[in-house]
N, C-alpha and C. Protein backbone atom coordinates (compact mmCIF):
# COMPACT_ATOMS: atom_id res chain seq x y z
N MET A 1 20.89 -54.00 -28.02
CA MET A 1 21.12 -53.42 -29.34
C MET A 1 22.21 -52.37 -29.24
N LEU A 2 23.09 -52.36 -30.21
CA LEU A 2 24.21 -51.44 -30.26
C LEU A 2 23.74 -50.06 -30.71
N LYS A 3 24.13 -49.04 -29.94
CA LYS A 3 23.83 -47.67 -30.34
C LYS A 3 24.94 -47.19 -31.26
N GLU A 4 24.63 -46.97 -32.53
CA GLU A 4 25.64 -46.54 -33.47
C GLU A 4 25.99 -45.07 -33.25
N VAL A 5 27.25 -44.77 -33.46
CA VAL A 5 27.74 -43.41 -33.30
C VAL A 5 27.11 -42.52 -34.37
N THR A 6 26.87 -41.27 -34.01
CA THR A 6 26.26 -40.33 -34.95
C THR A 6 27.33 -39.46 -35.61
N LEU A 7 26.92 -38.74 -36.62
CA LEU A 7 27.82 -37.85 -37.33
C LEU A 7 28.38 -36.78 -36.39
N GLU A 8 27.55 -36.24 -35.54
CA GLU A 8 28.01 -35.21 -34.61
C GLU A 8 28.99 -35.78 -33.59
N GLU A 9 28.77 -37.01 -33.16
CA GLU A 9 29.70 -37.65 -32.23
C GLU A 9 31.05 -37.89 -32.89
N VAL A 10 31.03 -38.26 -34.16
CA VAL A 10 32.28 -38.46 -34.90
C VAL A 10 33.01 -37.13 -35.07
N ARG A 11 32.29 -36.09 -35.36
CA ARG A 11 32.92 -34.76 -35.49
C ARG A 11 33.58 -34.36 -34.17
N ALA A 12 32.89 -34.58 -33.06
CA ALA A 12 33.45 -34.24 -31.75
C ALA A 12 34.67 -35.10 -31.45
N LEU A 13 34.60 -36.37 -31.78
CA LEU A 13 35.72 -37.29 -31.57
C LEU A 13 36.93 -36.84 -32.38
N ALA A 14 36.70 -36.48 -33.63
CA ALA A 14 37.79 -36.02 -34.49
C ALA A 14 38.40 -34.73 -33.95
N ALA A 15 37.57 -33.83 -33.47
CA ALA A 15 38.08 -32.57 -32.93
C ALA A 15 38.94 -32.82 -31.69
N ARG A 16 38.50 -33.73 -30.82
CA ARG A 16 39.29 -34.05 -29.62
C ARG A 16 40.62 -34.69 -29.99
N ALA A 17 40.66 -35.38 -31.13
CA ALA A 17 41.90 -36.02 -31.58
C ALA A 17 42.77 -35.05 -32.38
N GLY A 18 42.31 -33.82 -32.54
CA GLY A 18 43.09 -32.82 -33.25
C GLY A 18 42.87 -32.81 -34.75
N LEU A 19 41.88 -33.53 -35.22
CA LEU A 19 41.58 -33.60 -36.65
C LEU A 19 40.58 -32.50 -36.99
N THR A 20 41.06 -31.28 -37.03
CA THR A 20 40.18 -30.12 -37.18
C THR A 20 40.01 -29.68 -38.63
N ARG A 21 40.79 -30.25 -39.55
CA ARG A 21 40.70 -29.80 -40.95
C ARG A 21 40.15 -30.87 -41.87
N LEU A 22 39.35 -31.78 -41.35
CA LEU A 22 38.76 -32.82 -42.18
C LEU A 22 37.68 -32.24 -43.09
N THR A 23 37.64 -32.73 -44.31
CA THR A 23 36.56 -32.34 -45.21
C THR A 23 35.31 -33.12 -44.83
N GLU A 24 34.18 -32.73 -45.37
CA GLU A 24 32.93 -33.45 -45.09
C GLU A 24 33.03 -34.89 -45.57
N GLU A 25 33.71 -35.11 -46.69
CA GLU A 25 33.90 -36.46 -47.20
C GLU A 25 34.70 -37.31 -46.20
N HIS A 26 35.73 -36.71 -45.63
CA HIS A 26 36.54 -37.44 -44.65
C HIS A 26 35.74 -37.75 -43.38
N VAL A 27 34.91 -36.83 -42.95
CA VAL A 27 34.08 -37.07 -41.78
C VAL A 27 33.12 -38.22 -42.05
N GLN A 28 32.55 -38.26 -43.25
CA GLN A 28 31.65 -39.35 -43.62
C GLN A 28 32.40 -40.69 -43.63
N GLN A 29 33.63 -40.70 -44.14
CA GLN A 29 34.43 -41.92 -44.14
C GLN A 29 34.75 -42.36 -42.72
N LEU A 30 35.07 -41.41 -41.86
CA LEU A 30 35.36 -41.73 -40.47
C LEU A 30 34.11 -42.28 -39.78
N LEU A 31 32.96 -41.73 -40.08
CA LEU A 31 31.70 -42.24 -39.53
C LEU A 31 31.47 -43.69 -39.97
N GLN A 32 31.65 -43.97 -41.26
CA GLN A 32 31.45 -45.33 -41.76
C GLN A 32 32.44 -46.30 -41.13
N ALA A 33 33.69 -45.89 -41.01
CA ALA A 33 34.70 -46.76 -40.42
C ALA A 33 34.41 -47.02 -38.94
N THR A 34 33.98 -46.00 -38.23
CA THR A 34 33.67 -46.15 -36.81
C THR A 34 32.48 -47.08 -36.62
N GLN A 35 31.46 -46.92 -37.43
CA GLN A 35 30.29 -47.80 -37.33
C GLN A 35 30.65 -49.24 -37.66
N ALA A 36 31.50 -49.44 -38.67
CA ALA A 36 31.92 -50.80 -39.04
C ALA A 36 32.72 -51.42 -37.89
N ALA A 37 33.59 -50.64 -37.27
CA ALA A 37 34.38 -51.15 -36.14
C ALA A 37 33.48 -51.51 -34.97
N GLN A 38 32.46 -50.70 -34.71
CA GLN A 38 31.51 -51.00 -33.64
C GLN A 38 30.79 -52.32 -33.91
N ARG A 39 30.37 -52.53 -35.16
CA ARG A 39 29.66 -53.77 -35.51
C ARG A 39 30.58 -54.98 -35.35
N ARG A 40 31.83 -54.86 -35.79
CA ARG A 40 32.78 -55.98 -35.65
C ARG A 40 33.03 -56.29 -34.18
N ARG A 41 33.20 -55.25 -33.38
CA ARG A 41 33.49 -55.46 -31.96
C ARG A 41 32.29 -56.08 -31.25
N ALA A 42 31.09 -55.71 -31.67
CA ALA A 42 29.88 -56.20 -31.01
C ALA A 42 29.72 -57.72 -31.14
N VAL A 43 30.27 -58.32 -32.19
CA VAL A 43 30.09 -59.76 -32.38
C VAL A 43 31.23 -60.58 -31.79
N LEU A 44 32.25 -59.92 -31.26
CA LEU A 44 33.36 -60.66 -30.65
C LEU A 44 32.94 -61.19 -29.28
N PRO A 45 33.31 -62.42 -28.98
CA PRO A 45 32.96 -62.99 -27.66
C PRO A 45 33.93 -62.49 -26.59
N THR A 46 33.64 -61.34 -26.01
CA THR A 46 34.56 -60.73 -25.05
C THR A 46 34.04 -60.75 -23.61
N ALA A 47 32.87 -61.27 -23.39
CA ALA A 47 32.27 -61.19 -22.06
C ALA A 47 33.11 -61.89 -20.99
N ASN A 48 33.76 -62.97 -21.34
CA ASN A 48 34.50 -63.75 -20.35
C ASN A 48 36.01 -63.51 -20.39
N LEU A 49 36.45 -62.52 -21.15
CA LEU A 49 37.88 -62.27 -21.26
C LEU A 49 38.39 -61.45 -20.07
N THR A 50 39.61 -61.73 -19.68
CA THR A 50 40.27 -60.97 -18.62
C THR A 50 41.55 -60.37 -19.20
N PRO A 51 42.20 -59.46 -18.48
CA PRO A 51 43.46 -58.92 -18.99
C PRO A 51 44.51 -59.99 -19.26
N ALA A 52 44.46 -61.09 -18.55
CA ALA A 52 45.42 -62.17 -18.77
C ALA A 52 45.21 -62.86 -20.11
N ASP A 53 44.06 -62.66 -20.74
CA ASP A 53 43.79 -63.25 -22.04
C ASP A 53 44.40 -62.46 -23.19
N GLU A 54 44.96 -61.31 -22.89
CA GLU A 54 45.59 -60.48 -23.92
C GLU A 54 46.81 -61.22 -24.47
N PRO A 55 46.91 -61.34 -25.79
CA PRO A 55 48.07 -62.05 -26.33
C PRO A 55 49.36 -61.29 -26.07
N SER A 56 50.39 -62.02 -25.83
CA SER A 56 51.70 -61.43 -25.58
C SER A 56 52.51 -61.48 -26.87
N HIS A 57 53.09 -60.36 -27.22
CA HIS A 57 53.92 -60.29 -28.41
C HIS A 57 55.34 -59.97 -27.97
N VAL A 58 56.24 -60.89 -28.20
CA VAL A 58 57.62 -60.71 -27.78
C VAL A 58 58.50 -60.83 -29.01
N PHE A 59 59.40 -59.88 -29.17
CA PHE A 59 60.33 -59.90 -30.29
C PHE A 59 61.73 -60.15 -29.75
N ARG A 60 62.39 -61.13 -30.31
CA ARG A 60 63.77 -61.42 -29.94
C ARG A 60 64.59 -61.56 -31.21
N LEU A 61 65.73 -60.90 -31.25
CA LEU A 61 66.65 -61.07 -32.37
C LEU A 61 67.29 -62.44 -32.29
N ARG A 62 67.38 -63.10 -33.41
CA ARG A 62 68.09 -64.37 -33.44
C ARG A 62 69.58 -64.09 -33.42
N GLU A 63 70.28 -64.91 -32.73
CA GLU A 63 71.72 -64.74 -32.73
C GLU A 63 72.26 -65.12 -34.09
N SER A 64 73.12 -64.28 -34.58
CA SER A 64 73.70 -64.51 -35.89
C SER A 64 74.71 -65.65 -35.82
N ALA A 65 74.78 -66.44 -36.86
CA ALA A 65 75.74 -67.54 -36.92
C ALA A 65 77.16 -67.02 -37.11
N GLU A 66 77.27 -65.73 -37.48
CA GLU A 66 78.60 -65.14 -37.72
C GLU A 66 79.30 -64.73 -36.43
N ARG A 67 78.64 -64.71 -35.31
CA ARG A 67 79.25 -64.26 -34.05
C ARG A 67 80.21 -65.25 -33.53
């Protein structure tokens, strides 16, 4: 079972990230977003993944026809 993050843990996380001026409403939103992210991550099939399974993103400019 997934242990959901608590309000105090979110406050500490925000403080470590330098988010020291969040309103209570913002802290609540951050808590909800963090819990939703935890739930989404928990259902992903990641047990058999290795670093080689990370998708590679390569950007290349197309050569212009004007050259």
